[in-house]
N, C-alpha and C. Protein backbone atom coordinates (compact mmCIF):
# COMPACT_ATOMS: atom_id res chain seq x y z
N MET A 1 14.61 -15.61 -4.16
CA MET A 1 13.65 -14.60 -4.58
C MET A 1 11.94 -15.06 -4.32
N SER A 2 10.86 -14.38 -4.21
CA SER A 2 9.74 -14.78 -3.96
C SER A 2 9.46 -14.25 -5.75
N GLY A 3 8.47 -14.64 -5.66
CA GLY A 3 7.24 -14.15 -8.14
C GLY A 3 6.61 -13.16 -7.25
N ASN A 4 6.24 -12.99 -6.15
CA ASN A 4 4.77 -12.22 -5.18
C ASN A 4 5.87 -10.33 -5.43
N ASN A 5 4.23 -9.98 -5.80
CA ASN A 5 4.55 -8.08 -6.10
C ASN A 5 3.85 -7.71 -4.57
N TYR A 6 4.03 -6.78 -4.02
CA TYR A 6 3.06 -6.39 -2.65
C TYR A 6 3.45 -4.91 -2.94
N LEU A 7 2.44 -4.53 -1.97
CA LEU A 7 2.03 -3.18 -2.87
C LEU A 7 1.54 -2.85 -0.97
N LEU A 8 2.36 -1.13 -0.33
CA LEU A 8 3.00 -0.76 0.94
C LEU A 8 2.60 -0.17 1.61
N ASP A 9 1.51 -0.09 2.18
CA ASP A 9 0.59 0.63 2.80
C ASP A 9 1.48 1.35 3.87
N THR A 10 0.95 2.55 3.85
CA THR A 10 1.39 3.52 4.28
C THR A 10 2.05 3.37 5.82
N ASN A 11 1.09 2.63 6.77
CA ASN A 11 1.72 2.18 8.38
C ASN A 11 2.89 1.55 8.08
N PHE A 12 2.63 0.61 6.86
CA PHE A 12 4.39 -0.36 6.20
C PHE A 12 4.91 -0.02 5.99
N ILE A 13 5.39 1.53 5.42
CA ILE A 13 5.95 2.55 4.59
C ILE A 13 7.22 3.11 6.58
N LEU A 14 6.34 4.18 6.88
CA LEU A 14 6.49 4.36 8.17
C LEU A 14 7.22 2.84 9.17
N GLY A 15 7.24 1.82 9.40
CA GLY A 15 7.12 1.25 10.08
C GLY A 15 9.00 0.39 9.57
N ILE A 16 8.87 1.06 7.99
CA ILE A 16 10.27 0.74 7.41
C ILE A 16 11.01 2.08 7.99
N LEU A 17 10.87 3.24 7.07
CA LEU A 17 11.78 4.37 7.85
C LEU A 17 11.75 4.29 9.32
N ARG A 18 10.43 3.80 10.12
CA ARG A 18 11.38 3.58 11.66
C ARG A 18 12.10 2.43 12.08
N ALA A 19 12.87 1.77 11.26
CA ALA A 19 13.64 0.24 11.48
C ALA A 19 12.25 0.06 12.44
N ASP A 20 10.83 -0.50 12.53
CA ASP A 20 9.75 -1.91 13.11
C ASP A 20 10.62 -2.61 13.21
N SER A 21 10.83 -4.21 14.40
CA SER A 21 11.66 -5.01 14.01
C SER A 21 10.78 -5.67 13.36
N ALA A 22 9.18 -5.82 13.29
CA ALA A 22 8.71 -6.41 12.95
C ALA A 22 8.60 -6.46 11.24
N VAL A 23 8.92 -4.98 11.59
CA VAL A 23 8.22 -4.93 9.52
C VAL A 23 9.63 -5.47 8.80
N LEU A 24 10.48 -4.39 9.32
CA LEU A 24 11.49 -5.36 8.56
C LEU A 24 11.99 -6.68 8.75
N GLY A 25 11.68 -7.79 10.02
CA GLY A 25 11.16 -8.83 10.12
C GLY A 25 11.05 -9.45 9.45
N LEU A 26 9.95 -9.11 8.47
CA LEU A 26 8.67 -9.91 7.57
C LEU A 26 9.37 -9.60 6.48
N ILE A 27 9.92 -8.05 5.68
CA ILE A 27 11.03 -8.45 5.43
C ILE A 27 11.51 -9.03 4.43
N SER A 28 12.42 -10.02 5.56
CA SER A 28 13.52 -10.35 6.24
C SER A 28 13.00 -11.63 4.97
N SER A 29 12.26 -12.61 6.11
CA SER A 29 11.65 -13.78 6.22
C SER A 29 11.22 -13.99 4.88
N ARG A 30 10.59 -12.78 4.42
CA ARG A 30 9.72 -12.96 3.17
C ARG A 30 11.00 -12.91 1.54
N GLN A 31 12.17 -12.56 2.29
CA GLN A 31 13.04 -12.03 1.06
C GLN A 31 12.67 -10.84 0.07
N ILE A 32 11.42 -10.28 0.73
CA ILE A 32 11.42 -9.05 -0.64
C ILE A 32 11.98 -7.91 -0.76
N GLN A 33 11.73 -8.34 -1.84
CA GLN A 33 12.94 -6.01 -2.21
C GLN A 33 12.57 -5.62 -3.24
N ALA A 34 13.01 -4.70 -3.30
CA ALA A 34 12.44 -3.16 -3.28
C ALA A 34 11.97 -3.00 -4.74
N ASN A 35 12.14 -4.00 -5.62
CA ASN A 35 11.35 -4.01 -7.36
C ASN A 35 10.23 -5.06 -7.70
N GLN A 36 9.90 -5.32 -6.00
CA GLN A 36 8.43 -6.71 -6.01
C GLN A 36 7.61 -5.42 -5.48
N CYS A 37 7.79 -4.28 -5.14
CA CYS A 37 7.21 -2.87 -4.13
C CYS A 37 6.31 -1.84 -4.73
N PHE A 38 5.61 -2.20 -4.55
CA PHE A 38 4.53 -0.26 -4.89
C PHE A 38 4.18 -0.21 -3.94
N TYR A 39 3.29 1.40 -4.69
CA TYR A 39 3.01 2.59 -3.70
C TYR A 39 1.85 2.98 -4.37
N SER A 40 0.32 2.99 -3.73
CA SER A 40 -0.70 3.79 -3.84
C SER A 40 -0.66 5.11 -4.15
N ALA A 41 -0.75 5.76 -4.63
CA ALA A 41 -1.19 7.78 -4.95
C ALA A 41 -1.43 8.34 -3.77
N ILE A 42 -2.53 7.59 -3.04
CA ILE A 42 -2.57 8.02 -1.40
C ILE A 42 -2.17 7.71 -0.61
N THR A 43 -1.09 6.98 -0.27
CA THR A 43 -0.32 6.38 0.77
C THR A 43 0.88 7.67 -0.05
N ARG A 44 1.88 7.56 -0.99
CA ARG A 44 1.99 9.21 -1.29
C ARG A 44 1.33 10.15 -0.44
N MET A 45 0.35 10.34 -1.23
CA MET A 45 -1.08 11.47 -0.10
C MET A 45 0.12 11.97 0.80
N GLU A 46 -0.96 10.68 2.03
CA GLU A 46 -0.58 10.58 3.84
C GLU A 46 1.06 10.77 3.77
N LEU A 47 2.12 10.36 3.63
CA LEU A 47 2.93 10.10 3.58
C LEU A 47 3.86 11.45 3.95
N LEU A 48 3.42 12.85 2.71
CA LEU A 48 4.54 13.38 2.61
C LEU A 48 3.50 14.90 2.92
N GLY A 49 2.35 14.46 2.92
CA GLY A 49 0.70 15.61 3.32
C GLY A 49 0.72 15.35 4.74
N TYR A 50 1.50 14.48 5.35
CA TYR A 50 1.84 14.42 6.95
C TYR A 50 1.51 16.66 7.11
N GLN A 51 0.95 17.50 8.24
CA GLN A 51 0.72 18.56 8.33
C GLN A 51 2.45 18.56 9.11
N GLY A 52 2.61 18.29 9.71
CA GLY A 52 4.38 18.06 10.94
C GLY A 52 5.72 18.10 9.90
N ILE A 53 5.60 17.13 9.19
CA ILE A 53 6.51 16.52 8.76
C ILE A 53 8.01 18.03 8.51
N THR A 54 9.14 17.11 8.03
CA THR A 54 10.37 18.18 8.55
C THR A 54 10.87 18.13 7.28
N VAL A 55 11.83 18.44 6.82
CA VAL A 55 12.42 18.84 5.76
C VAL A 55 13.55 17.70 4.98
N ASP A 56 13.79 17.09 6.71
CA ASP A 56 14.38 15.41 6.71
C ASP A 56 13.85 14.82 6.36
N GLU A 57 12.34 14.22 7.39
CA GLU A 57 11.97 13.64 6.93
C GLU A 57 10.74 13.41 5.71
N GLU A 58 10.55 14.05 4.84
CA GLU A 58 10.66 14.44 3.87
C GLU A 58 11.37 14.60 3.03
N SER A 59 12.39 14.46 2.98
CA SER A 59 13.36 13.48 1.95
C SER A 59 14.40 12.53 1.78
N MET A 60 13.61 11.01 2.98
CA MET A 60 13.64 10.68 3.43
C MET A 60 12.73 9.66 3.08
N ILE A 61 11.41 10.05 3.46
CA ILE A 61 9.80 9.13 3.12
C ILE A 61 10.82 9.69 0.45
N ARG A 62 10.37 10.54 0.29
CA ARG A 62 11.70 10.78 -0.85
C ARG A 62 12.06 9.46 -1.52
N GLU A 63 12.50 9.98 -1.03
CA GLU A 63 14.14 8.25 -1.13
C GLU A 63 14.17 7.06 -1.22
N LYS A 64 12.87 6.82 0.11
CA LYS A 64 12.57 5.88 0.12
C LYS A 64 11.56 5.66 -0.77
N LEU A 65 10.81 6.20 -1.29
CA LEU A 65 9.65 6.66 -2.68
C LEU A 65 10.27 6.36 -3.94
N ASP A 66 11.60 6.89 -4.09
CA ASP A 66 12.10 6.34 -5.60
C ASP A 66 12.15 5.22 -5.08
N HIS A 67 12.74 4.15 -4.72
CA HIS A 67 12.97 2.58 -4.98
C HIS A 67 11.77 1.90 -5.25
N LEU A 68 10.76 2.12 -5.34
CA LEU A 68 9.92 1.78 -4.74
C LEU A 68 8.64 1.55 -6.05
N THR A 69 7.70 1.42 -6.42
CA THR A 69 6.83 1.50 -7.92
C THR A 69 5.64 2.16 -7.77
N TYR A 70 5.43 3.54 -8.23
CA TYR A 70 4.07 4.22 -8.15
C TYR A 70 3.02 3.75 -8.69
N LEU A 71 1.72 3.88 -8.11
CA LEU A 71 0.57 3.26 -9.17
C LEU A 71 -0.51 4.40 -8.52
N PRO A 72 -0.18 5.20 -9.90
CA PRO A 72 -1.69 6.03 -9.83
C PRO A 72 -2.98 5.84 -10.05
N LEU A 73 -3.39 6.15 -9.10
CA LEU A 73 -5.17 6.74 -9.15
C LEU A 73 -5.82 6.14 -10.97
N THR A 74 -6.95 5.14 -10.96
CA THR A 74 -6.95 4.99 -12.57
C THR A 74 -8.48 4.92 -12.77
N LYS A 75 -9.26 5.16 -13.49
CA LYS A 75 -10.53 5.46 -13.11
C LYS A 75 -11.57 3.34 -12.93
N GLU A 76 -10.38 2.51 -13.51
CA GLU A 76 -10.40 1.14 -13.04
C GLU A 76 -10.85 1.35 -11.23
N ILE A 77 -9.35 1.39 -11.33
CA ILE A 77 -8.81 1.86 -9.33
C ILE A 77 -10.44 2.73 -8.36
N GLU A 78 -10.78 3.78 -8.60
CA GLU A 78 -11.86 4.88 -8.92
C GLU A 78 -13.12 4.19 -8.69
N ASP A 79 -13.92 3.41 -10.07
CA ASP A 79 -14.86 2.27 -9.00
C ASP A 79 -14.45 1.16 -9.27
N ALA A 80 -13.02 0.34 -7.92
CA ALA A 80 -13.42 -0.05 -7.74
C ALA A 80 -13.95 0.40 -6.03
N VAL A 81 -12.88 1.37 -5.80
CA VAL A 81 -13.55 2.26 -3.99
C VAL A 81 -15.14 2.35 -4.44
N ILE A 82 -15.39 3.41 -4.90
CA ILE A 82 -17.36 3.71 -5.43
C ILE A 82 -17.71 1.69 -5.00
N GLU A 83 -17.85 0.68 -5.57
CA GLU A 83 -17.98 0.07 -5.43
C GLU A 83 -17.53 -0.94 -3.77
N LEU A 84 -16.97 -0.63 -3.98
CA LEU A 84 -15.85 -1.08 -2.15
C LEU A 84 -17.29 -0.28 -0.81
N ARG A 85 -16.92 0.86 -1.36
CA ARG A 85 -17.74 1.52 -0.53
C ARG A 85 -18.55 1.39 -0.27
N ARG A 86 -19.53 1.47 -1.00
CA ARG A 86 -21.12 0.89 -1.10
C ARG A 86 -21.14 -0.48 -0.72
N LEU A 87 -20.40 -1.46 -0.55
CA LEU A 87 -20.50 -2.64 0.37
C LEU A 87 -20.84 -2.53 1.50
N ARG A 88 -19.16 -2.00 1.60
CA ARG A 88 -18.51 -2.70 3.47
C ARG A 88 -18.95 -0.18 4.05
N LYS A 89 -17.75 -0.70 5.81
CA LYS A 89 -18.31 0.36 5.85
C LYS A 89 -16.86 0.69 6.10
N ILE A 90 -16.06 1.59 4.74
CA ILE A 90 -14.87 1.45 4.61
C ILE A 90 -14.31 3.23 4.59
N LYS A 91 -13.29 3.75 5.42
CA LYS A 91 -12.40 5.19 4.66
C LYS A 91 -11.94 5.24 3.71
N LEU A 92 -12.40 6.24 3.26
CA LEU A 92 -11.46 6.66 1.59
C LEU A 92 -9.99 5.23 1.32
N PRO A 93 -9.19 6.30 2.27
CA PRO A 93 -7.96 6.10 1.81
C PRO A 93 -8.09 4.91 1.91
N ASP A 94 -8.95 3.98 3.34
CA ASP A 94 -8.83 2.41 3.36
C ASP A 94 -9.07 1.42 2.54
N ALA A 95 -10.16 2.86 1.50
CA ALA A 95 -10.74 2.03 0.17
C ALA A 95 -9.69 1.34 -1.18
N ILE A 96 -9.15 3.43 -1.22
CA ILE A 96 -8.30 3.35 -2.39
C ILE A 96 -7.41 2.38 -2.89
N ILE A 97 -6.85 1.69 -1.54
CA ILE A 97 -5.84 1.05 -0.96
C ILE A 97 -6.10 -0.34 -1.05
N ALA A 98 -7.42 -1.05 -0.49
CA ALA A 98 -8.07 -2.40 -0.38
C ALA A 98 -8.27 -2.68 -2.69
N ALA A 99 -8.99 -1.23 -2.96
CA ALA A 99 -8.71 -1.45 -4.30
C ALA A 99 -8.27 -1.76 -5.44
N THR A 100 -6.89 -0.34 -4.44
CA THR A 100 -5.05 -0.35 -5.35
C THR A 100 -4.98 -1.94 -5.72
N THR A 101 -5.26 -2.49 -4.46
CA THR A 101 -4.33 -4.39 -3.98
C THR A 101 -5.01 -4.78 -4.98
N ARG A 102 -6.48 -5.32 -4.73
CA ARG A 102 -7.18 -5.81 -6.01
C ARG A 102 -7.21 -5.60 -7.70
N CYS A 103 -6.96 -4.81 -7.88
CA CYS A 103 -6.86 -4.70 -9.84
C CYS A 103 -5.75 -4.77 -9.92
N PHE A 104 -4.88 -4.62 -9.35
CA PHE A 104 -3.48 -5.13 -9.28
C PHE A 104 -2.91 -6.19 -9.03
N GLY A 105 -4.23 -7.18 -8.54
CA GLY A 105 -3.43 -8.07 -7.76
C GLY A 105 -2.46 -8.68 -6.72
N LEU A 106 -1.84 -7.62 -6.55
CA LEU A 106 -0.51 -7.53 -5.11
C LEU A 106 -1.57 -7.80 -4.21
N GLU A 107 -0.27 -8.05 -3.50
CA GLU A 107 -0.27 -9.00 -1.78
C GLU A 107 -0.09 -7.07 -1.06
N LEU A 108 -1.88 -7.34 -0.26
CA LEU A 108 -1.03 -5.52 0.19
C LEU A 108 -0.86 -6.04 2.01
N LEU A 109 1.01 -5.04 1.46
CA LEU A 109 1.38 -5.39 3.21
C LEU A 109 1.17 -4.50 4.02
N THR A 110 1.19 -4.03 5.01
CA THR A 110 -0.06 -3.67 6.19
C THR A 110 -0.18 -3.74 7.46
N ARG A 111 -0.06 -3.24 7.83
CA ARG A 111 -0.32 -3.53 10.04
C ARG A 111 -1.63 -3.49 10.87
N ASP A 112 -2.79 -2.55 9.62
CA ASP A 112 -4.32 -2.93 9.25
C ASP A 112 -4.77 -3.58 9.21
N GLN A 113 -5.50 -4.34 11.20
CA GLN A 113 -5.82 -6.08 10.34
C GLN A 113 -6.49 -5.10 9.88
N HIS A 114 -8.12 -4.55 10.67
CA HIS A 114 -9.42 -4.36 10.03
C HIS A 114 -9.16 -4.67 8.24
N LEU A 115 -7.81 -3.39 7.88
CA LEU A 115 -8.07 -3.41 6.23
C LEU A 115 -8.27 -5.12 6.12
N LEU A 116 -7.25 -5.55 6.48
CA LEU A 116 -6.91 -7.37 6.51
C LEU A 116 -7.86 -7.95 5.96
N SER A 117 -8.54 -8.29 6.95
CA SER A 117 -9.69 -8.92 7.08
C SER A 117 -10.52 -8.07 6.26
N VAL A 118 -10.94 -6.90 5.91
CA VAL A 118 -12.07 -6.22 4.67
C VAL A 118 -11.52 -6.97 3.42
N LEU A 119 -9.89 -7.00 2.96
CA LEU A 119 -10.36 -7.96 2.00
C LEU A 119 -10.08 -9.25 1.85
N GLY A 120 -9.55 -9.17 2.66
CA GLY A 120 -9.92 -11.01 3.41
C GLY A 120 -11.45 -11.86 3.32
N LYS A 121 -12.68 -10.73 3.50
CA LYS A 121 -13.68 -10.84 2.60
C LYS A 121 -13.70 -10.92 1.18
N LEU A 122 -12.95 -10.77 0.99
CA LEU A 122 -14.47 -9.35 -1.31
C LEU A 122 -12.91 -11.09 -1.43
N SER A 123 -13.65 -11.05 -2.68
CA SER A 123 -14.39 -11.85 -4.15
C SER A 123 -12.37 -11.18 -4.44
N ALA A 124 -12.38 -12.26 -5.84
CA ALA A 124 -10.74 -12.16 -5.73
C ALA A 124 -10.58 -11.98 -6.85
N PRO A 125 -9.73 -10.90 -7.27
CA PRO A 125 -9.77 -9.39 -8.32
C PRO A 125 -9.88 -10.28 -9.62
N LYS A 126 -9.48 -9.59 -10.34
CA LYS A 126 -8.73 -9.63 -11.95
C LYS A 126 -7.60 -8.30 -12.12
N PRO A 127 -6.36 -9.79 -12.17
CA PRO A 127 -5.26 -8.57 -10.96
C PRO A 127 -5.62 -7.46 -12.93
N HIS A 128 -5.11 -6.51 -13.07
CA HIS A 128 -4.58 -5.64 -14.43
C HIS A 128 -3.22 -6.00 -14.51
N ASN A 129 -3.08 -5.33 -15.64
CA ASN A 129 -1.28 -5.84 -16.31
C ASN A 129 -0.30 -4.57 -15.09
N LYS A 130 0.26 -4.86 -14.77
CA LYS A 130 1.40 -3.94 -14.86
C LYS A 130 2.22 -3.14 -15.63
């Protein structure tokens, strides 16, 4: 088992829920365990706030999230979001994901190549205690 910890982006969790072969293959090949995985407040809002969500889908999402560790928005994350949005053209949800990743020193698992490229251009963060 790897010692890394991961922040799962909304689209990555959707890939898990939809049994996407690329997402499940990555999890398997890297031997990623649920106790290594975190999710942001914005991911929770995006997943559960979908307008067309059914009761069964909501139940499935909540069950999956119960196995992961929730990271709430903090002032530190908010400040990092503000700084990031001043420096780069980035959507607010993506900025929250990027800032959470940096503040907690996590590796981001996402299918969003633009977000990965933004993170790659940022200087290394000072990890926060989880």
